Amino acid sequence: MSELKKRLSSILESPKHNTEEKLQKVCHLLDQEISYFNWTGFYFKNGDKNELKLGPYVGAETDHIIIPYGKGICGQVAVSNETFIVPDVNLQDNYLSCSIDTKAEIVVPIFKNGENIGQIDIDSHTIDPFTKEDLELLEWLCNEVSKIL
């Protein structure tokens, strides 16, 4: 994981790319390096509205360009301000299905100046794949991402 953190830091610190390009590269790297990360993307608070707007991502196209607060896993994280790990999406009542292949999801919030401004959302085609190391990596990453926003 430490090698992956170095590579992620290198992307985020690169003076050659704008923020959107950096986030896109982060998604690509996570997608390439962690086999069970099958859809990786960012959602951000949509201005003053109580909704999230899709940012850079890697994976199958999604209809979920805008997600109202409270709806689905991402919308719940926007309200709770807490990481949400779903080992099996079929057992979740308030779940927005992006793909029939998705079996699990993890959403980690991004905070800037104490405000929840967005999140990283990862779907997996495997039931219960996310580890403590994944959680630690994603929380670290969200903290690093907040520094470039």
C-alpha atoms as a PDB file:
ATOM      1  CA  MET A   1       0.000   0.000   0.000  1.00  0.00           C
ATOM      2  CA  SER A   2       2.839   2.418   0.721  1.00  0.00           C
ATOM      3  CA  GLU A   3       3.989   2.185  -2.910  1.00  0.00           C
ATOM      4  CA  LEU A   4       0.450   2.950  -4.045  1.00  0.00           C
ATOM      5  CA  LYS A   5       0.295   5.934  -1.669  1.00  0.00           C
ATOM      6  CA  LYS A   6       3.526   7.266  -3.180  1.00  0.00           C
ATOM      7  CA  ARG A   7       2.089   6.984  -6.672  1.00  0.00           C
ATOM      8  CA  LEU A   8      -1.169   8.666  -5.613  1.00  0.00           C
ATOM      9  CA  SER A   9       0.773  11.483  -3.921  1.00  0.00           C
ATOM     10  CA  SER A  10       2.821  11.948  -7.074  1.00  0.00           C
ATOM     11  CA  ILE A  11      -0.385  12.410  -9.106  1.00  0.00           C
ATOM     12  CA  LEU A  12      -1.907  14.854  -6.619  1.00  0.00           C
ATOM     13  CA  GLU A  13       1.294  16.911  -6.368  1.00  0.00           C
ATOM     14  CA  SER A  14       1.897  17.075 -10.129  1.00  0.00           C
ATOM     15  CA  PRO A  15       2.087  20.671 -11.396  1.00  0.00           C
ATOM     16  CA  LYS A  16       1.349  19.450 -14.951  1.00  0.00           C
ATOM     17  CA  HIS A  17      -2.331  18.639 -14.446  1.00  0.00           C
ATOM     18  CA  ASN A  18      -5.429  20.490 -13.309  1.00  0.00           C
ATOM     19  CA  THR A  19      -7.561  19.173 -10.442  1.00  0.00           C
ATOM     20  CA  GLU A  20     -10.013  17.289 -12.655  1.00  0.00           C
ATOM     21  CA  GLU A  21      -7.177  15.565 -14.525  1.00  0.00           C
ATOM     22  CA  LYS A  22      -5.530  14.608 -11.222  1.00  0.00           C
ATOM     23  CA  LEU A  23      -8.760  13.096  -9.901  1.00  0.00           C
ATOM     24  CA  GLN A  24      -9.236  11.186 -13.162  1.00  0.00           C
ATOM     25  CA  LYS A  25      -5.691   9.805 -12.886  1.00  0.00           C
ATOM     26  CA  VAL A  26      -6.347   8.803  -9.254  1.00  0.00           C
ATOM     27  CA  CYS A  27      -9.426   6.853 -10.398  1.00  0.00           C
ATOM     28  CA  HIS A  28      -7.417   5.135 -13.149  1.00  0.00           C
ATOM     29  CA  LEU A  29      -4.603   4.169 -10.800  1.00  0.00           C
ATOM     30  CA  LEU A  30      -6.953   2.699  -8.179  1.00  0.00           C
ATOM     31  CA  ASP A  31      -8.835   0.846 -10.918  1.00  0.00           C
ATOM     32  CA  GLN A  32      -5.587  -0.626 -12.276  1.00  0.00           C
ATOM     33  CA  GLU A  33      -4.001  -1.522  -8.958  1.00  0.00           C
ATOM     34  CA  ILE A  34      -6.891  -2.949  -6.927  1.00  0.00           C
ATOM     35  CA  SER A  35      -8.610  -5.724  -8.847  1.00  0.00           C
ATOM     36  CA  TYR A  36     -11.914  -5.576  -6.969  1.00  0.00           C
ATOM     37  CA  PHE A  37     -12.344  -1.798  -7.454  1.00  0.00           C
ATOM     38  CA  ASN A  38     -14.675  -2.057 -10.461  1.00  0.00           C
ATOM     39  CA  TRP A  39     -16.119   1.475 -10.504  1.00  0.00           C
ATOM     40  CA  THR A  40     -14.174   4.309  -8.899  1.00  0.00           C
ATOM     41  CA  GLY A  41     -15.344   7.892  -8.897  1.00  0.00           C
ATOM     42  CA  PHE A  42     -15.820  11.155  -7.090  1.00  0.00           C
ATOM     43  CA  TYR A  43     -19.022  12.996  -6.236  1.00  0.00           C
ATOM     44  CA  PHE A  44     -19.022  16.595  -5.022  1.00  0.00           C
ATOM     45  CA  LYS A  45     -21.536  18.891  -3.379  1.00  0.00           C
ATOM     46  CA  ASN A  46     -23.439  20.667  -6.153  1.00  0.00           C
ATOM     47  CA  GLY A  47     -23.114  24.341  -5.197  1.00  0.00           C
ATOM     48  CA  ASP A  48     -25.636  25.282  -2.498  1.00  0.00           C
ATOM     49  CA  LYS A  49     -28.006  22.453  -3.410  1.00  0.00           C
ATOM     50  CA  ASN A  50     -28.529  19.447  -1.163  1.00  0.00           C
ATOM     51  CA  GLU A  51     -27.294  17.093  -3.839  1.00  0.00           C
ATOM     52  CA  LEU A  52     -24.129  15.515  -5.168  1.00  0.00           C
ATOM     53  CA  LYS A  53     -22.803  15.925  -8.699  1.00  0.00           C
ATOM     54  CA  LEU A  54     -20.706  13.281 -10.430  1.00  0.00           C
ATOM     55  CA  GLY A  55     -17.041  14.157 -10.911  1.00  0.00           C
ATOM     56  CA  PRO A  56     -14.242  12.182 -12.564  1.00  0.00           C
ATOM     57  CA  TYR A  57     -14.692   8.409 -12.585  1.00  0.00           C
ATOM     58  CA  VAL A  58     -13.535   5.163 -14.171  1.00  0.00           C
ATOM     59  CA  GLY A  59     -15.941   2.326 -14.900  1.00  0.00           C
ATOM     60  CA  ALA A  60     -19.253   1.726 -16.587  1.00  0.00           C
ATOM     61  CA  GLU A  61     -21.353   4.778 -17.458  1.00  0.00           C
ATOM     62  CA  THR A  62     -23.832   5.761 -14.781  1.00  0.00           C
ATOM     63  CA  ASP A  63     -27.202   7.475 -14.867  1.00  0.00           C
ATOM     64  CA  HIS A  64     -26.483   8.853 -11.395  1.00  0.00           C
ATOM     65  CA  ILE A  65     -25.071  12.214 -12.449  1.00  0.00           C
ATOM     66  CA  ILE A  66     -26.990  13.967  -9.637  1.00  0.00           C
ATOM     67  CA  ILE A  67     -27.772  12.251  -6.310  1.00  0.00           C
ATOM     68  CA  PRO A  68     -30.048  13.958  -3.770  1.00  0.00           C
ATOM     69  CA  TYR A  69     -28.799  14.004  -0.188  1.00  0.00           C
ATOM     70  CA  GLY A  70     -30.110  11.007   1.720  1.00  0.00           C
ATOM     71  CA  LYS A  71     -30.655   8.856  -1.388  1.00  0.00           C
ATOM     72  CA  GLY A  72     -28.522   5.765  -1.889  1.00  0.00           C
ATOM     73  CA  ILE A  73     -25.207   5.131  -0.172  1.00  0.00           C
ATOM     74  CA  CYS A  74     -23.582   8.320  -1.509  1.00  0.00           C
ATOM     75  CA  GLY A  75     -26.532  10.471  -0.490  1.00  0.00           C
ATOM     76  CA  GLN A  76     -26.499   8.941   2.991  1.00  0.00           C
ATOM     77  CA  VAL A  77     -22.786   9.724   3.420  1.00  0.00           C
ATOM     78  CA  ALA A  78     -23.482  13.329   2.391  1.00  0.00           C
ATOM     79  CA  VAL A  79     -25.874  13.531   5.369  1.00  0.00           C
ATOM     80  CA  SER A  80     -24.093  11.347   7.966  1.00  0.00           C
ATOM     81  CA  ASN A  81     -20.538  12.622   7.270  1.00  0.00           C
ATOM     82  CA  GLU A  82     -19.327   9.071   7.921  1.00  0.00           C
ATOM     83  CA  THR A  83     -17.758   6.380   5.787  1.00  0.00           C
ATOM     84  CA  PHE A  84     -20.267   3.756   4.670  1.00  0.00           C
ATOM     85  CA  ILE A  85     -19.123   0.238   3.787  1.00  0.00           C
ATOM     86  CA  VAL A  86     -21.717  -2.043   2.234  1.00  0.00           C
ATOM     87  CA  PRO A  87     -20.452  -5.648   2.102  1.00  0.00           C
ATOM     88  CA  ASP A  88     -23.524  -6.807   0.124  1.00  0.00           C
ATOM     89  CA  VAL A  89     -25.664  -4.218  -1.672  1.00  0.00           C
ATOM     90  CA  ASN A  90     -28.559  -6.670  -1.956  1.00  0.00           C
ATOM     91  CA  LEU A  91     -29.057  -6.347   1.806  1.00  0.00           C
ATOM     92  CA  GLN A  92     -29.362  -2.528   1.686  1.00  0.00           C
ATOM     93  CA  ASP A  93     -32.778  -0.866   1.554  1.00  0.00           C
ATOM     94  CA  ASN A  94     -31.599   2.616   0.510  1.00  0.00           C
ATOM     95  CA  TYR A  95     -29.337   1.622  -2.380  1.00  0.00           C
ATOM     96  CA  LEU A  96     -29.097   3.128  -5.885  1.00  0.00           C
ATOM     97  CA  SER A  97     -28.062   0.399  -8.292  1.00  0.00           C
ATOM     98  CA  CYS A  98     -25.526   1.535 -10.878  1.00  0.00           C
ATOM     99  CA  SER A  99     -24.969  -1.910 -12.342  1.00  0.00           C
ATOM    100  CA  ILE A 100     -26.398  -5.379 -11.877  1.00  0.00           C
ATOM    101  CA  ASP A 101     -22.786  -6.513 -11.459  1.00  0.00           C
ATOM    102  CA  THR A 102     -22.224  -4.382  -8.337  1.00  0.00           C
ATOM    103  CA  LYS A 103     -22.116  -6.512  -5.195  1.00  0.00           C
ATOM    104  CA  ALA A 104     -20.448  -4.179  -2.659  1.00  0.00           C
ATOM    105  CA  GLU A 105     -19.730  -0.481  -2.206  1.00  0.00           C
ATOM    106  CA  ILE A 106     -17.589   1.800  -0.067  1.00  0.00           C
ATOM    107  CA  VAL A 107     -18.075   5.565   0.159  1.00  0.00           C
ATOM    108  CA  VAL A 108     -15.636   7.799   2.050  1.00  0.00           C
ATOM    109  CA  PRO A 109     -16.362  11.512   2.603  1.00  0.00           C
ATOM    110  CA  ILE A 110     -13.973  14.339   1.731  1.00  0.00           C
ATOM    111  CA  PHE A 111     -13.810  17.234   4.199  1.00  0.00           C
ATOM    112  CA  LYS A 112     -12.439  20.719   3.590  1.00  0.00           C
ATOM    113  CA  ASN A 113     -12.382  23.163   6.514  1.00  0.00           C
ATOM    114  CA  GLY A 114     -14.665  20.817   8.450  1.00  0.00           C
ATOM    115  CA  GLU A 115     -17.325  20.703   5.702  1.00  0.00           C
ATOM    116  CA  ASN A 116     -18.293  17.549   3.807  1.00  0.00           C
ATOM    117  CA  ILE A 117     -17.636  18.665   0.217  1.00  0.00           C
ATOM    118  CA  GLY A 118     -17.637  15.333  -1.584  1.00  0.00           C
ATOM    119  CA  GLN A 119     -16.688  11.699  -1.523  1.00  0.00           C
ATOM    120  CA  ILE A 120     -14.963   8.856  -3.249  1.00  0.00           C
ATOM    121  CA  ASP A 121     -17.318   6.058  -4.249  1.00  0.00           C
ATOM    122  CA  ILE A 122     -16.106   2.576  -5.131  1.00  0.00           C
ATOM    123  CA  ASP A 123     -18.226  -0.304  -6.376  1.00  0.00           C
ATOM    124  CA  SER A 124     -17.066  -3.899  -6.511  1.00  0.00           C
ATOM    125  CA  HIS A 125     -18.326  -6.928  -8.396  1.00  0.00           C
ATOM    126  CA  THR A 126     -17.263  -9.036  -5.398  1.00  0.00           C
ATOM    127  CA  ILE A 127     -19.243  -9.500  -2.175  1.00  0.00           C
ATOM    128  CA  ASP A 128     -17.480  -8.107   0.933  1.00  0.00           C
ATOM    129  CA  PRO A 129     -14.096  -7.336  -0.656  1.00  0.00           C
ATOM    130  CA  PHE A 130     -13.092  -4.185   1.230  1.00  0.00           C
ATOM    131  CA  THR A 131     -10.343  -4.513   3.840  1.00  0.00           C
ATOM    132  CA  LYS A 132      -9.169  -2.404   6.743  1.00  0.00           C
ATOM    133  CA  GLU A 133      -6.213  -1.438   4.509  1.00  0.00           C
ATOM    134  CA  ASP A 134      -8.602  -0.243   1.784  1.00  0.00           C
ATOM    135  CA  LEU A 135     -10.442   1.899   4.325  1.00  0.00           C
ATOM    136  CA  GLU A 136      -7.189   3.372   5.647  1.00  0.00           C
ATOM    137  CA  LEU A 137      -5.960   4.077   2.098  1.00  0.00           C
ATOM    138  CA  LEU A 138      -9.208   5.759   1.051  1.00  0.00           C
ATOM    139  CA  GLU A 139      -9.433   7.889   4.190  1.00  0.00           C
ATOM    140  CA  TRP A 140      -5.819   8.973   3.656  1.00  0.00           C
ATOM    141  CA  LEU A 141      -6.576   9.672  -0.030  1.00  0.00           C
ATOM    142  CA  CYS A 142      -9.650  11.788   0.761  1.00  0.00           C
ATOM    143  CA  ASN A 143      -7.567  13.848   3.162  1.00  0.00           C
ATOM    144  CA  GLU A 144      -4.921  14.354   0.474  1.00  0.00           C
ATOM    145  CA  VAL A 145      -7.529  15.195  -2.184  1.00  0.00           C
ATOM    146  CA  SER A 146      -9.020  17.865   0.081  1.00  0.00           C
ATOM    147  CA  LYS A 147      -5.680  19.700  -0.046  1.00  0.00           C
ATOM    148  CA  ILE A 148      -5.938  20.275  -3.820  1.00  0.00           C
ATOM    149  CA  LEU A 149      -9.570  21.377  -3.864  1.00  0.00           C
END
